[in-house]
Amino acid sequence: MVVLGAGNVAMDSARTAMRLGAETVKIVYRRSRDEMPARKAEIHHAEEEGIEMCLLTNPTRYLGNERAGLPAWSACAWNWVSPTTPAGGARWQ
């Protein structure tokens, strides 16, 4: 199972899926660990429960399961941080 985002609700969803028997759970987030909006304790507990963090990763498309009408696979692109903007902020590419 893949959870998009890294806030508290994403952590709760991922942890619940794992507890309900998902074989693997991955959190996909487009930014770095330092920018994850979830509380640090939530992130720590998710990792303790075996949830994999795919950071600096951005979904680019979804391929569906026509019989179930649900996404079955997604393609991702990896992001990186380039030099800061003139205002001093990180620039994501």
C-alpha atoms as a PDB file:
ATOM      1  CA  MET A   1       0.000   0.000   0.000  1.00  0.00           C
ATOM      2  CA  VAL A   2       1.180   3.538  -0.715  1.00  0.00           C
ATOM      3  CA  VAL A   3       0.158   6.613   1.268  1.00  0.00           C
ATOM      4  CA  LEU A   4       0.766   9.995  -0.358  1.00  0.00           C
ATOM      5  CA  GLY A   5       1.754  12.800   1.983  1.00  0.00           C
ATOM      6  CA  ALA A   6       3.504  12.990   5.333  1.00  0.00           C
ATOM      7  CA  GLY A   7       1.170  14.694   7.760  1.00  0.00           C
ATOM      8  CA  ASN A   8      -0.354  13.190  10.886  1.00  0.00           C
ATOM      9  CA  VAL A   9      -3.311  11.766   8.936  1.00  0.00           C
ATOM     10  CA  ALA A  10      -0.943  10.069   6.468  1.00  0.00           C
ATOM     11  CA  MET A  11       0.978   8.520   9.377  1.00  0.00           C
ATOM     12  CA  ASP A  12      -2.269   7.312  10.969  1.00  0.00           C
ATOM     13  CA  SER A  13      -3.445   5.834   7.650  1.00  0.00           C
ATOM     14  CA  ALA A  14      -0.157   4.041   7.060  1.00  0.00           C
ATOM     15  CA  ARG A  15       0.020   2.647  10.590  1.00  0.00           C
ATOM     16  CA  THR A  16      -3.596   1.507  10.464  1.00  0.00           C
ATOM     17  CA  ALA A  17      -3.050  -0.244   7.121  1.00  0.00           C
ATOM     18  CA  MET A  18      -0.050  -2.088   8.559  1.00  0.00           C
ATOM     19  CA  ARG A  19      -2.019  -3.140  11.643  1.00  0.00           C
ATOM     20  CA  LEU A  20      -4.865  -4.382   9.453  1.00  0.00           C
ATOM     21  CA  GLY A  21      -2.518  -6.711   7.585  1.00  0.00           C
ATOM     22  CA  ALA A  22      -0.995  -4.852   4.633  1.00  0.00           C
ATOM     23  CA  GLU A  23       2.156  -6.678   3.528  1.00  0.00           C
ATOM     24  CA  THR A  24       4.052  -3.447   2.955  1.00  0.00           C
ATOM     25  CA  VAL A  25       3.232   0.204   3.476  1.00  0.00           C
ATOM     26  CA  LYS A  26       5.177   3.081   1.967  1.00  0.00           C
ATOM     27  CA  ILE A  27       4.764   6.778   2.614  1.00  0.00           C
ATOM     28  CA  VAL A  28       5.585   8.817  -0.487  1.00  0.00           C
ATOM     29  CA  TYR A  29       6.467  12.452   0.174  1.00  0.00           C
ATOM     30  CA  ARG A  30       7.849  15.044  -2.227  1.00  0.00           C
ATOM     31  CA  ARG A  31      10.053  16.830   0.276  1.00  0.00           C
ATOM     32  CA  SER A  32      12.733  15.975   2.828  1.00  0.00           C
ATOM     33  CA  ARG A  33      12.351  14.475   6.303  1.00  0.00           C
ATOM     34  CA  ASP A  34      12.941  17.885   7.904  1.00  0.00           C
ATOM     35  CA  GLU A  35       9.896  19.247   6.071  1.00  0.00           C
ATOM     36  CA  MET A  36       7.484  16.461   6.981  1.00  0.00           C
ATOM     37  CA  PRO A  37       4.517  18.108   8.720  1.00  0.00           C
ATOM     38  CA  ALA A  38       3.717  15.125  10.957  1.00  0.00           C
ATOM     39  CA  ARG A  39       4.816  15.215  14.560  1.00  0.00           C
ATOM     40  CA  LYS A  40       8.253  13.665  15.071  1.00  0.00           C
ATOM     41  CA  ALA A  41       6.765  11.039  17.394  1.00  0.00           C
ATOM     42  CA  GLU A  42       4.295   9.962  14.667  1.00  0.00           C
ATOM     43  CA  ILE A  43       7.139   9.554  12.171  1.00  0.00           C
ATOM     44  CA  HIS A  44       9.203   7.600  14.689  1.00  0.00           C
ATOM     45  CA  HIS A  45       6.330   5.238  15.525  1.00  0.00           C
ATOM     46  CA  ALA A  46       5.554   4.656  11.845  1.00  0.00           C
ATOM     47  CA  GLU A  47       9.148   3.650  11.180  1.00  0.00           C
ATOM     48  CA  GLU A  48       9.171   1.399  14.245  1.00  0.00           C
ATOM     49  CA  GLU A  49       6.120  -0.376  12.811  1.00  0.00           C
ATOM     50  CA  GLY A  50       7.960  -1.107   9.559  1.00  0.00           C
ATOM     51  CA  ILE A  51       6.610   1.639   7.327  1.00  0.00           C
ATOM     52  CA  GLU A  52       9.050   2.709   4.612  1.00  0.00           C
ATOM     53  CA  MET A  53       9.565   6.412   3.904  1.00  0.00           C
ATOM     54  CA  CYS A  54      10.077   7.318   0.238  1.00  0.00           C
ATOM     55  CA  LEU A  55      11.225  10.913   0.537  1.00  0.00           C
ATOM     56  CA  LEU A  56      11.974  13.401  -2.243  1.00  0.00           C
ATOM     57  CA  THR A  57       9.595  11.342  -4.369  1.00  0.00           C
ATOM     58  CA  ASN A  58       6.707  12.718  -6.418  1.00  0.00           C
ATOM     59  CA  PRO A  59       3.951  10.609  -8.033  1.00  0.00           C
ATOM     60  CA  THR A  60       3.703  11.292 -11.759  1.00  0.00           C
ATOM     61  CA  ARG A  61       0.951   8.943 -12.958  1.00  0.00           C
ATOM     62  CA  TYR A  62      -1.377   6.164 -11.846  1.00  0.00           C
ATOM     63  CA  LEU A  63      -2.310   3.049 -13.744  1.00  0.00           C
ATOM     64  CA  GLY A  64      -5.647   1.580 -12.809  1.00  0.00           C
ATOM     65  CA  ASN A  65      -7.014  -1.855 -12.142  1.00  0.00           C
ATOM     66  CA  GLU A  66      -9.925  -1.876 -14.565  1.00  0.00           C
ATOM     67  CA  ARG A  67     -11.787  -4.695 -12.841  1.00  0.00           C
ATOM     68  CA  ALA A  68     -11.683  -3.104  -9.389  1.00  0.00           C
ATOM     69  CA  GLY A  69     -11.767   0.491 -10.605  1.00  0.00           C
ATOM     70  CA  LEU A  70      -8.876   1.377  -8.305  1.00  0.00           C
ATOM     71  CA  PRO A  71      -5.299   2.522  -8.872  1.00  0.00           C
ATOM     72  CA  ALA A  72      -3.059  -0.531  -9.060  1.00  0.00           C
ATOM     73  CA  TRP A  73       0.348   1.020  -9.672  1.00  0.00           C
ATOM     74  CA  SER A  74       1.919   4.448  -9.732  1.00  0.00           C
ATOM     75  CA  ALA A  75       5.006   5.899 -11.366  1.00  0.00           C
ATOM     76  CA  CYS A  76       7.193   8.282  -9.385  1.00  0.00           C
ATOM     77  CA  ALA A  77       9.914  10.799 -10.094  1.00  0.00           C
ATOM     78  CA  TRP A  78      12.629  11.659  -7.642  1.00  0.00           C
ATOM     79  CA  ASN A  79      13.150  15.252  -6.541  1.00  0.00           C
ATOM     80  CA  TRP A  80      16.299  16.969  -5.404  1.00  0.00           C
ATOM     81  CA  VAL A  81      17.141  20.193  -3.707  1.00  0.00           C
ATOM     82  CA  SER A  82      19.025  22.709  -5.798  1.00  0.00           C
ATOM     83  CA  PRO A  83      20.708  25.874  -4.559  1.00  0.00           C
ATOM     84  CA  THR A  84      18.463  28.223  -2.655  1.00  0.00           C
ATOM     85  CA  THR A  85      16.254  30.831  -4.248  1.00  0.00           C
ATOM     86  CA  PRO A  86      17.197  34.515  -4.109  1.00  0.00           C
ATOM     87  CA  ALA A  87      14.911  34.800  -1.071  1.00  0.00           C
ATOM     88  CA  GLY A  88      16.901  32.058   0.711  1.00  0.00           C
ATOM     89  CA  GLY A  89      14.349  29.225   0.460  1.00  0.00           C
ATOM     90  CA  ALA A  90      14.941  25.735  -0.904  1.00  0.00           C
ATOM     91  CA  ARG A  91      14.207  25.177  -4.577  1.00  0.00           C
ATOM     92  CA  TRP A  92      12.643  21.792  -5.385  1.00  0.00           C
ATOM     93  CA  GLN A  93      13.176  20.238  -8.776  1.00  0.00           C
END
